[in-house]
Amino acid sequence: MSRKRRKDTGGGASWMETYSDMVTLLLTFFIMLYAMSTIDAQKYAAIVASFSKELNPQAYQQIISQEEEADGIDIVEDEEEIKKEIEEIDKLYTLLKQYIDERGMEQQVEISKSEEYVFIRFSDSVTFRGYSDILEQSGREILDVLAEGLVLVDEYIEEVVIAGHTAEVEHDTTDIDRSLSTNRANVVLRYLEDKAVIDPAKYLAIGYGMHSPIADNSTSEGRSKNRRVEIYISRKGHPISYTKIIQDTINSDEDNTEYQRQTYID
C-alpha cells in the first residue's frame, strides 16, 4: 500500500516575502536618513559617478566632462571678478594720483598701491597745523577727491583705516600725544563719512601717537614727517593688517633705519 503524498503548501517562495520586507525596511531607513540631513551635491555626484563607471562607462565619462566644464567656468568667473575688483581699486588710485601730480603735491602727499590696497600718506602741512585738530583747507580739498572715489568703488572696498601720528617733543605727555593723534584721525573719518556715503562700518580711526615714527625724530624735518595722517583702503576680502603696511613702508626706506624714541624740543 503506497503512502499518500503530502500536498505542496507552496512554502518554497516564502523567503521572497522576507527579503522584500527587509528591502522595504532598508529603503525606509535610508529615506528617513535623507530627510533628516542635507545631501552634499558633490558627494551625491561622486556616488552616482562610481555606480555609473561600472554600469555605464560612457555615462560616467559624460558626468566627469560636465564637472570639469563647470569647474572651469567657476575658475574663469572668479578670475574675472578679481580682475574687475583690482581694476576698480586702480581707478581710485589713478584719480588721486592725477590730483596730486597736477598740483605738484608729491612732497606733501604720498600714494602707493598693490592688488590688495591703496595707501595714502598726508604730511602735517596738508592736513593739520601744529597741535591743532582743525582740518586745513588743503586737506579738505584732497579729501573731497578721495570721497568722490570711495563712492565710485564702494562695493569693492573692505575697509578704510585712518591713522593719526605725532612726533615726540619735550613738552608732550603720553595722554596729550595719544589724544591728539586719535582726534585727528577721527576728524578725517567724520569728514569722509559726511562726504562719502558708504557703509559706516567700513571706516576705522586709529591714534598711534608718537609710537610709529617713519623718520629721524632728532631733526625738525624728521619730526614734520612723523606728524602725519595715513589712510589705508583695502580691497574687498583682503583686510591686510594696517600695522604690517606701516612696518613694510618703514623697512623699504633706506633712510628709515631703526628710530630710537628720543625726546626733542620743537
C-alpha atoms as a PDB file:
ATOM      1  CA  MET A   1       0.000   0.000   0.000  1.00  0.00           C
ATOM      2  CA  SER A   2       1.586   3.263  -1.145  1.00  0.00           C
ATOM      3  CA  ARG A   3       1.973   6.304   1.133  1.00  0.00           C
ATOM      4  CA  LYS A   4      -0.093   9.378   0.479  1.00  0.00           C
ATOM      5  CA  ARG A   5       1.942  12.305  -0.684  1.00  0.00           C
ATOM      6  CA  ARG A   6       1.656  15.491   1.301  1.00  0.00           C
ATOM      7  CA  LYS A   7       0.166  18.366  -0.557  1.00  0.00           C
ATOM      8  CA  ASP A   8       2.626  21.063  -1.640  1.00  0.00           C
ATOM      9  CA  THR A   9       1.938  24.053   0.596  1.00  0.00           C
ATOM     10  CA  GLY A  10       3.898  26.416  -1.669  1.00  0.00           C
ATOM     11  CA  GLY A  11       6.355  27.419   1.081  1.00  0.00           C
ATOM     12  CA  GLY A  12       9.347  27.358  -1.273  1.00  0.00           C
ATOM     13  CA  ALA A  13       8.912  31.016  -2.210  1.00  0.00           C
ATOM     14  CA  SER A  14       8.306  32.315   1.311  1.00  0.00           C
ATOM     15  CA  TRP A  15      11.892  33.646   1.523  1.00  0.00           C
ATOM     16  CA  MET A  16      10.958  36.216  -1.122  1.00  0.00           C
ATOM     17  CA  GLU A  17       8.463  37.761   1.247  1.00  0.00           C
ATOM     18  CA  THR A  18      11.082  38.077   3.968  1.00  0.00           C
ATOM     19  CA  TYR A  19      13.599  39.528   1.514  1.00  0.00           C
ATOM     20  CA  SER A  20      11.062  42.043   0.208  1.00  0.00           C
ATOM     21  CA  ASP A  21      10.230  43.122   3.737  1.00  0.00           C
ATOM     22  CA  MET A  22      13.916  43.615   4.526  1.00  0.00           C
ATOM     23  CA  VAL A  23      14.493  45.686   1.364  1.00  0.00           C
ATOM     24  CA  THR A  24      11.448  47.794   2.145  1.00  0.00           C
ATOM     25  CA  LEU A  25      12.672  48.434   5.678  1.00  0.00           C
ATOM     26  CA  LEU A  26      16.144  49.376   4.458  1.00  0.00           C
ATOM     27  CA  LEU A  27      14.684  51.721   1.862  1.00  0.00           C
ATOM     28  CA  THR A  28      12.505  53.338   4.516  1.00  0.00           C
ATOM     29  CA  PHE A  29      15.530  53.694   6.802  1.00  0.00           C
ATOM     30  CA  PHE A  30      17.629  55.448   4.160  1.00  0.00           C
ATOM     31  CA  ILE A  31      14.751  57.723   3.156  1.00  0.00           C
ATOM     32  CA  MET A  32      14.450  58.730   6.802  1.00  0.00           C
ATOM     33  CA  LEU A  33      18.189  59.474   6.982  1.00  0.00           C
ATOM     34  CA  TYR A  34      17.955  61.526   3.811  1.00  0.00           C
ATOM     35  CA  ALA A  35      15.034  63.511   5.198  1.00  0.00           C
ATOM     36  CA  MET A  36      16.995  64.282   8.368  1.00  0.00           C
ATOM     37  CA  SER A  37      20.062  65.594   6.569  1.00  0.00           C
ATOM     38  CA  THR A  38      21.102  67.815   3.695  1.00  0.00           C
ATOM     39  CA  ILE A  39      22.823  65.896   0.972  1.00  0.00           C
ATOM     40  CA  ASP A  40      26.089  67.258  -0.360  1.00  0.00           C
ATOM     41  CA  ALA A  41      25.698  67.710  -4.107  1.00  0.00           C
ATOM     42  CA  GLN A  42      29.338  66.873  -4.791  1.00  0.00           C
ATOM     43  CA  LYS A  43      29.219  63.692  -2.683  1.00  0.00           C
ATOM     44  CA  TYR A  44      25.984  62.674  -4.369  1.00  0.00           C
ATOM     45  CA  ALA A  45      27.546  63.201  -7.789  1.00  0.00           C
ATOM     46  CA  ALA A  46      30.565  61.142  -6.729  1.00  0.00           C
ATOM     47  CA  ILE A  47      28.325  58.266  -5.612  1.00  0.00           C
ATOM     48  CA  VAL A  48      26.354  58.376  -8.841  1.00  0.00           C
ATOM     49  CA  ALA A  49      29.573  58.529 -10.822  1.00  0.00           C
ATOM     50  CA  SER A  50      31.027  55.491  -9.042  1.00  0.00           C
ATOM     51  CA  PHE A  51      27.982  53.417  -9.971  1.00  0.00           C
ATOM     52  CA  SER A  52      27.887  54.812 -13.483  1.00  0.00           C
ATOM     53  CA  LYS A  53      31.522  53.928 -14.059  1.00  0.00           C
ATOM     54  CA  GLU A  54      30.762  50.261 -13.546  1.00  0.00           C
ATOM     55  CA  LEU A  55      27.334  50.109 -15.180  1.00  0.00           C
ATOM     56  CA  ASN A  56      27.725  52.661 -17.962  1.00  0.00           C
ATOM     57  CA  PRO A  57      31.276  53.876 -18.727  1.00  0.00           C
ATOM     58  CA  GLN A  58      30.006  56.293 -21.373  1.00  0.00           C
ATOM     59  CA  ALA A  59      27.622  57.982 -18.928  1.00  0.00           C
ATOM     60  CA  TYR A  60      30.425  58.155 -16.349  1.00  0.00           C
ATOM     61  CA  GLN A  61      32.696  59.967 -18.783  1.00  0.00           C
ATOM     62  CA  GLN A  62      29.893  62.397 -19.580  1.00  0.00           C
ATOM     63  CA  ILE A  63      29.446  63.213 -15.882  1.00  0.00           C
ATOM     64  CA  ILE A  64      33.187  63.801 -15.456  1.00  0.00           C
ATOM     65  CA  SER A  65      33.278  66.064 -18.511  1.00  0.00           C
ATOM     66  CA  GLN A  66      30.355  68.117 -17.209  1.00  0.00           C
ATOM     67  CA  GLU A  67      32.012  68.529 -13.799  1.00  0.00           C
ATOM     68  CA  GLU A  68      35.300  69.621 -15.351  1.00  0.00           C
ATOM     69  CA  GLU A  69      33.486  72.091 -17.574  1.00  0.00           C
ATOM     70  CA  ALA A  70      31.577  73.529 -14.597  1.00  0.00           C
ATOM     71  CA  ASP A  71      34.796  73.838 -12.558  1.00  0.00           C
ATOM     72  CA  GLY A  72      36.454  75.621 -15.459  1.00  0.00           C
ATOM     73  CA  ILE A  73      33.578  78.107 -15.703  1.00  0.00           C
ATOM     74  CA  ASP A  74      33.760  78.811 -11.939  1.00  0.00           C
ATOM     75  CA  ILE A  75      37.508  79.460 -12.137  1.00  0.00           C
ATOM     76  CA  VAL A  76      37.093  81.832 -15.084  1.00  0.00           C
ATOM     77  CA  GLU A  77      34.286  83.696 -13.313  1.00  0.00           C
ATOM     78  CA  ASP A  78      36.386  84.040 -10.129  1.00  0.00           C
ATOM     79  CA  GLU A  79      39.361  85.339 -12.100  1.00  0.00           C
ATOM     80  CA  GLU A  80      37.182  87.843 -13.938  1.00  0.00           C
ATOM     81  CA  GLU A  81      35.664  89.068 -10.665  1.00  0.00           C
ATOM     82  CA  ILE A  82      39.108  89.530  -9.077  1.00  0.00           C
ATOM     83  CA  LYS A  83      40.328  91.361 -12.175  1.00  0.00           C
ATOM     84  CA  LYS A  84      37.292  93.643 -12.002  1.00  0.00           C
ATOM     85  CA  GLU A  85      37.913  94.437  -8.322  1.00  0.00           C
ATOM     86  CA  ILE A  86      41.576  95.271  -8.963  1.00  0.00           C
ATOM     87  CA  GLU A  87      40.669  97.498 -11.912  1.00  0.00           C
ATOM     88  CA  GLU A  88      38.132  99.418  -9.821  1.00  0.00           C
ATOM     89  CA  ILE A  89      40.585  99.986  -6.957  1.00  0.00           C
ATOM     90  CA  ASP A  90      43.117 101.148  -9.564  1.00  0.00           C
ATOM     91  CA  LYS A  91      40.615 103.814 -10.639  1.00  0.00           C
ATOM     92  CA  LEU A  92      40.676 105.238  -7.115  1.00  0.00           C
ATOM     93  CA  TYR A  93      44.474 105.305  -7.159  1.00  0.00           C
ATOM     94  CA  THR A  94      44.547 106.969 -10.606  1.00  0.00           C
ATOM     95  CA  LEU A  95      42.037 109.633  -9.545  1.00  0.00           C
ATOM     96  CA  LEU A  96      44.104 110.623  -6.508  1.00  0.00           C
ATOM     97  CA  LYS A  97      47.461 110.361  -8.290  1.00  0.00           C
ATOM     98  CA  GLN A  98      46.260 112.693 -11.022  1.00  0.00           C
ATOM     99  CA  TYR A  99      45.084 115.250  -8.456  1.00  0.00           C
ATOM    100  CA  ILE A 100      48.406 115.111  -6.598  1.00  0.00           C
ATOM    101  CA  ASP A 101      50.524 115.388  -9.759  1.00  0.00           C
ATOM    102  CA  GLU A 102      48.511 118.255 -11.243  1.00  0.00           C
ATOM    103  CA  ARG A 103      49.008 120.324  -8.086  1.00  0.00           C
ATOM    104  CA  GLY A 104      52.632 119.415  -7.503  1.00  0.00           C
ATOM    105  CA  MET A 105      51.856 117.850  -4.116  1.00  0.00           C
ATOM    106  CA  GLU A 106      54.185 114.851  -4.438  1.00  0.00           C
ATOM    107  CA  GLN A 107      56.227 116.008  -1.431  1.00  0.00           C
ATOM    108  CA  GLN A 108      53.176 116.538   0.764  1.00  0.00           C
ATOM    109  CA  VAL A 109      51.110 113.506  -0.246  1.00  0.00           C
ATOM    110  CA  GLU A 110      52.499 110.032  -0.929  1.00  0.00           C
ATOM    111  CA  ILE A 111      50.355 107.381  -2.565  1.00  0.00           C
ATOM    112  CA  SER A 112      51.065 103.733  -3.342  1.00  0.00           C
ATOM    113  CA  LYS A 113      49.075 100.661  -4.273  1.00  0.00           C
ATOM    114  CA  SER A 114      49.085  96.905  -4.690  1.00  0.00           C
ATOM    115  CA  GLU A 115      46.459  94.491  -5.952  1.00  0.00           C
ATOM    116  CA  GLU A 116      45.003  94.482  -2.444  1.00  0.00           C
ATOM    117  CA  TYR A 117      45.082  98.090  -1.225  1.00  0.00           C
ATOM    118  CA  VAL A 118      45.665 101.802  -1.830  1.00  0.00           C
ATOM    119  CA  PHE A 119      47.796 103.600   0.750  1.00  0.00           C
ATOM    120  CA  ILE A 120      47.900 107.407   1.186  1.00  0.00           C
ATOM    121  CA  ARG A 121      50.152 109.409   3.495  1.00  0.00           C
ATOM    122  CA  PHE A 122      49.466 113.103   4.184  1.00  0.00           C
ATOM    123  CA  SER A 123      52.113 115.332   5.728  1.00  0.00           C
ATOM    124  CA  ASP A 124      51.129 117.690   8.546  1.00  0.00           C
ATOM    125  CA  SER A 125      51.331 120.701   6.203  1.00  0.00           C
ATOM    126  CA  VAL A 126      48.374 119.350   4.210  1.00  0.00           C
ATOM    127  CA  THR A 127      46.036 118.218   6.973  1.00  0.00           C
ATOM    128  CA  PHE A 128      46.749 119.858  10.364  1.00  0.00           C
ATOM    129  CA  ARG A 129      49.000 122.597  11.733  1.00  0.00           C
ATOM    130  CA  GLY A 130      50.969 122.478  14.964  1.00  0.00           C
ATOM    131  CA  TYR A 131      48.903 120.983  17.771  1.00  0.00           C
ATOM    132  CA  SER A 132      45.582 121.720  16.108  1.00  0.00           C
ATOM    133  CA  ASP A 133      42.968 119.147  15.203  1.00  0.00           C
ATOM    134  CA  ILE A 134      41.196 121.532  12.811  1.00  0.00           C
ATOM    135  CA  LEU A 135      41.425 120.254   9.242  1.00  0.00           C
ATOM    136  CA  GLU A 136      43.255 122.571   6.840  1.00  0.00           C
ATOM    137  CA  GLN A 137      41.609 123.715   3.592  1.00  0.00           C
ATOM    138  CA  SER A 138      44.205 121.847   1.515  1.00  0.00           C
ATOM    139  CA  GLY A 139      43.293 118.698   3.421  1.00  0.00           C
ATOM    140  CA  ARG A 140      39.587 119.247   2.812  1.00  0.00           C
ATOM    141  CA  GLU A 141      40.123 119.628  -0.914  1.00  0.00           C
ATOM    142  CA  ILE A 142      42.049 116.398  -1.409  1.00  0.00           C
ATOM    143  CA  LEU A 143      39.688 114.519   0.920  1.00  0.00           C
ATOM    144  CA  ASP A 144      36.828 115.702  -1.300  1.00  0.00           C
ATOM    145  CA  VAL A 145      38.522 113.958  -4.226  1.00  0.00           C
ATOM    146  CA  LEU A 146      39.080 110.838  -2.126  1.00  0.00           C
ATOM    147  CA  ALA A 147      35.435 110.836  -1.024  1.00  0.00           C
ATOM    148  CA  GLU A 148      34.328 111.006  -4.643  1.00  0.00           C
ATOM    149  CA  GLY A 149      36.492 107.992  -5.445  1.00  0.00           C
ATOM    150  CA  LEU A 150      35.288 105.998  -2.427  1.00  0.00           C
ATOM    151  CA  VAL A 151      31.678 106.334  -3.536  1.00  0.00           C
ATOM    152  CA  LEU A 152      32.553 105.092  -7.027  1.00  0.00           C
ATOM    153  CA  VAL A 153      34.275 101.925  -5.774  1.00  0.00           C
ATOM    154  CA  ASP A 154      32.303 101.351  -2.568  1.00  0.00           C
ATOM    155  CA  GLU A 155      31.272  97.777  -3.411  1.00  0.00           C
ATOM    156  CA  TYR A 156      34.918  96.771  -3.929  1.00  0.00           C
ATOM    157  CA  ILE A 157      36.193  98.175  -0.600  1.00  0.00           C
ATOM    158  CA  GLU A 158      36.722  96.070   2.515  1.00  0.00           C
ATOM    159  CA  GLU A 159      37.709  98.840   4.928  1.00  0.00           C
ATOM    160  CA  VAL A 160      39.038 102.394   5.162  1.00  0.00           C
ATOM    161  CA  VAL A 161      41.529 102.764   8.014  1.00  0.00           C
ATOM    162  CA  ILE A 162      42.519 106.308   9.044  1.00  0.00           C
ATOM    163  CA  ALA A 163      45.540 106.615  11.339  1.00  0.00           C
ATOM    164  CA  GLY A 164      46.851 109.692  13.110  1.00  0.00           C
ATOM    165  CA  HIS A 165      50.525 110.056  14.125  1.00  0.00           C
ATOM    166  CA  THR A 166      52.503 112.632  16.093  1.00  0.00           C
ATOM    167  CA  ALA A 167      56.161 113.296  16.898  1.00  0.00           C
ATOM    168  CA  GLU A 168      57.539 113.197  20.425  1.00  0.00           C
ATOM    169  CA  VAL A 169      58.745 116.536  21.786  1.00  0.00           C
ATOM    170  CA  GLU A 170      59.836 117.683  25.226  1.00  0.00           C
ATOM    171  CA  HIS A 171      56.580 119.185  26.466  1.00  0.00           C
ATOM    172  CA  ASP A 172      54.405 116.301  25.248  1.00  0.00           C
ATOM    173  CA  THR A 173      52.782 113.834  27.579  1.00  0.00           C
ATOM    174  CA  THR A 174      51.513 110.424  26.599  1.00  0.00           C
ATOM    175  CA  ASP A 175      47.883 111.473  27.157  1.00  0.00           C
ATOM    176  CA  ILE A 176      48.150 114.610  25.019  1.00  0.00           C
ATOM    177  CA  ASP A 177      50.112 112.828  22.326  1.00  0.00           C
ATOM    178  CA  ARG A 178      47.714 109.893  22.028  1.00  0.00           C
ATOM    179  CA  SER A 179      44.624 112.098  22.215  1.00  0.00           C
ATOM    180  CA  LEU A 180      45.857 114.453  19.507  1.00  0.00           C
ATOM    181  CA  SER A 181      46.605 111.664  17.041  1.00  0.00           C
ATOM    182  CA  THR A 182      43.253 109.995  17.762  1.00  0.00           C
ATOM    183  CA  ASN A 183      41.332 113.267  17.435  1.00  0.00           C
ATOM    184  CA  ARG A 184      42.953 113.993  14.078  1.00  0.00           C
ATOM    185  CA  ALA A 185      42.115 110.531  12.763  1.00  0.00           C
ATOM    186  CA  ASN A 186      38.509 110.973  13.891  1.00  0.00           C
ATOM    187  CA  VAL A 187      38.258 114.418  12.288  1.00  0.00           C
ATOM    188  CA  VAL A 188      39.328 112.946   8.944  1.00  0.00           C
ATOM    189  CA  LEU A 189      36.973 109.987   9.409  1.00  0.00           C
ATOM    190  CA  ARG A 190      33.981 112.215  10.144  1.00  0.00           C
ATOM    191  CA  TYR A 191      34.795 114.447   7.182  1.00  0.00           C
ATOM    192  CA  LEU A 192      34.939 111.466   4.814  1.00  0.00           C
ATOM    193  CA  GLU A 193      31.828 109.956   6.377  1.00  0.00           C
ATOM    194  CA  ASP A 194      29.895 113.150   5.650  1.00  0.00           C
ATOM    195  CA  LYS A 195      31.196 113.391   2.082  1.00  0.00           C
ATOM    196  CA  ALA A 196      31.419 109.730   1.055  1.00  0.00           C
ATOM    197  CA  VAL A 197      28.137 107.988   1.747  1.00  0.00           C
ATOM    198  CA  ILE A 198      29.366 104.411   2.071  1.00  0.00           C
ATOM    199  CA  ASP A 199      28.791 101.795   4.758  1.00  0.00           C
ATOM    200  CA  PRO A 200      29.953 103.477   8.024  1.00  0.00           C
ATOM    201  CA  ALA A 201      31.148 100.086   9.299  1.00  0.00           C
ATOM    202  CA  LYS A 202      33.967 100.230   6.744  1.00  0.00           C
ATOM    203  CA  TYR A 203      35.543 103.253   8.466  1.00  0.00           C
ATOM    204  CA  LEU A 204      38.057 102.835  11.284  1.00  0.00           C
ATOM    205  CA  ALA A 205      40.092 105.531  13.089  1.00  0.00           C
ATOM    206  CA  ILE A 206      43.315 104.782  14.996  1.00  0.00           C
ATOM    207  CA  GLY A 207      45.578 107.043  17.042  1.00  0.00           C
ATOM    208  CA  TYR A 208      49.196 105.837  17.181  1.00  0.00           C
ATOM    209  CA  GLY A 209      50.551 108.887  18.948  1.00  0.00           C
ATOM    210  CA  MET A 210      54.358 109.085  18.747  1.00  0.00           C
ATOM    211  CA  HIS A 211      54.835 105.325  18.686  1.00  0.00           C
ATOM    212  CA  SER A 212      55.195 104.645  14.959  1.00  0.00           C
ATOM    213  CA  PRO A 213      57.804 107.079  13.572  1.00  0.00           C
ATOM    214  CA  ILE A 214      58.922 106.914   9.941  1.00  0.00           C
ATOM    215  CA  ALA A 215      61.730 109.482  10.125  1.00  0.00           C
ATOM    216  CA  ASP A 216      64.544 110.632  12.391  1.00  0.00           C
ATOM    217  CA  ASN A 217      62.907 112.360  15.333  1.00  0.00           C
ATOM    218  CA  SER A 218      66.088 114.310  16.172  1.00  0.00           C
ATOM    219  CA  THR A 219      65.555 116.801  13.327  1.00  0.00           C
ATOM    220  CA  SER A 220      62.782 119.283  12.620  1.00  0.00           C
ATOM    221  CA  GLU A 221      62.299 117.777   9.164  1.00  0.00           C
ATOM    222  CA  GLY A 222      62.054 114.275  10.607  1.00  0.00           C
ATOM    223  CA  ARG A 223      59.512 115.326  13.219  1.00  0.00           C
ATOM    224  CA  SER A 224      57.474 117.002  10.492  1.00  0.00           C
ATOM    225  CA  LYS A 225      57.349 113.692   8.598  1.00  0.00           C
ATOM    226  CA  ASN A 226      56.336 111.833  11.731  1.00  0.00           C
ATOM    227  CA  ARG A 227      53.339 114.150  12.215  1.00  0.00           C
ATOM    228  CA  ARG A 228      51.071 112.700   9.581  1.00  0.00           C
ATOM    229  CA  VAL A 229      47.742 111.157   8.699  1.00  0.00           C
ATOM    230  CA  GLU A 230      47.610 107.897   6.768  1.00  0.00           C
ATOM    231  CA  ILE A 231      44.679 106.275   5.013  1.00  0.00           C
ATOM    232  CA  TYR A 232      44.673 102.620   4.072  1.00  0.00           C
ATOM    233  CA  ILE A 233      41.922 101.373   1.727  1.00  0.00           C
ATOM    234  CA  SER A 234      41.786  97.599   1.319  1.00  0.00           C
ATOM    235  CA  ARG A 235      40.142  95.652  -1.487  1.00  0.00           C
ATOM    236  CA  LYS A 236      37.086  93.576  -0.672  1.00  0.00           C
ATOM    237  CA  GLY A 237      38.042  90.324   1.025  1.00  0.00           C
ATOM    238  CA  HIS A 238      41.615  91.494   1.790  1.00  0.00           C
ATOM    239  CA  PRO A 239      41.725  93.222   5.197  1.00  0.00           C
ATOM    240  CA  ILE A 240      45.532  93.170   5.443  1.00  0.00           C
ATOM    241  CA  SER A 241      46.973  94.358   8.733  1.00  0.00           C
ATOM    242  CA  TYR A 242      47.438  98.126   8.584  1.00  0.00           C
ATOM    243  CA  THR A 243      50.299  97.828  11.069  1.00  0.00           C
ATOM    244  CA  LYS A 244      52.091  95.493   8.651  1.00  0.00           C
ATOM    245  CA  ILE A 245      51.731  98.064   5.864  1.00  0.00           C
ATOM    246  CA  ILE A 246      53.324 100.716   8.075  1.00  0.00           C
ATOM    247  CA  GLN A 247      56.193  98.417   9.014  1.00  0.00           C
ATOM    248  CA  ASP A 248      56.798  97.451   5.382  1.00  0.00           C
ATOM    249  CA  THR A 249      56.883 101.137   4.449  1.00  0.00           C
ATOM    250  CA  ILE A 250      59.436 101.888   7.149  1.00  0.00           C
ATOM    251  CA  ASN A 251      61.620  98.926   6.172  1.00  0.00           C
ATOM    252  CA  SER A 252      61.522  99.828   2.474  1.00  0.00           C
ATOM    253  CA  ASP A 253      63.022 103.284   3.071  1.00  0.00           C
ATOM    254  CA  GLU A 254      66.831 103.163   3.194  1.00  0.00           C
ATOM    255  CA  ASP A 255      66.931 106.295   5.352  1.00  0.00           C
ATOM    256  CA  ASN A 256      64.410 104.916   7.794  1.00  0.00           C
ATOM    257  CA  THR A 257      66.673 102.753   9.896  1.00  0.00           C
ATOM    258  CA  GLU A 258      65.752 101.973  13.477  1.00  0.00           C
ATOM    259  CA  TYR A 259      64.485 105.156  15.099  1.00  0.00           C
ATOM    260  CA  GLN A 260      65.031 105.186  18.792  1.00  0.00           C
ATOM    261  CA  ARG A 261      62.423 107.109  20.684  1.00  0.00           C
ATOM    262  CA  GLN A 262      64.103 110.246  21.921  1.00  0.00           C
ATOM    263  CA  THR A 263      62.673 113.481  23.241  1.00  0.00           C
ATOM    264  CA  TYR A 264      63.422 116.735  21.425  1.00  0.00           C
ATOM    265  CA  ILE A 265      62.436 120.359  21.838  1.00  0.00           C
ATOM    266  CA  ASP A 266      60.266 121.540  18.944  1.00  0.00           C
END
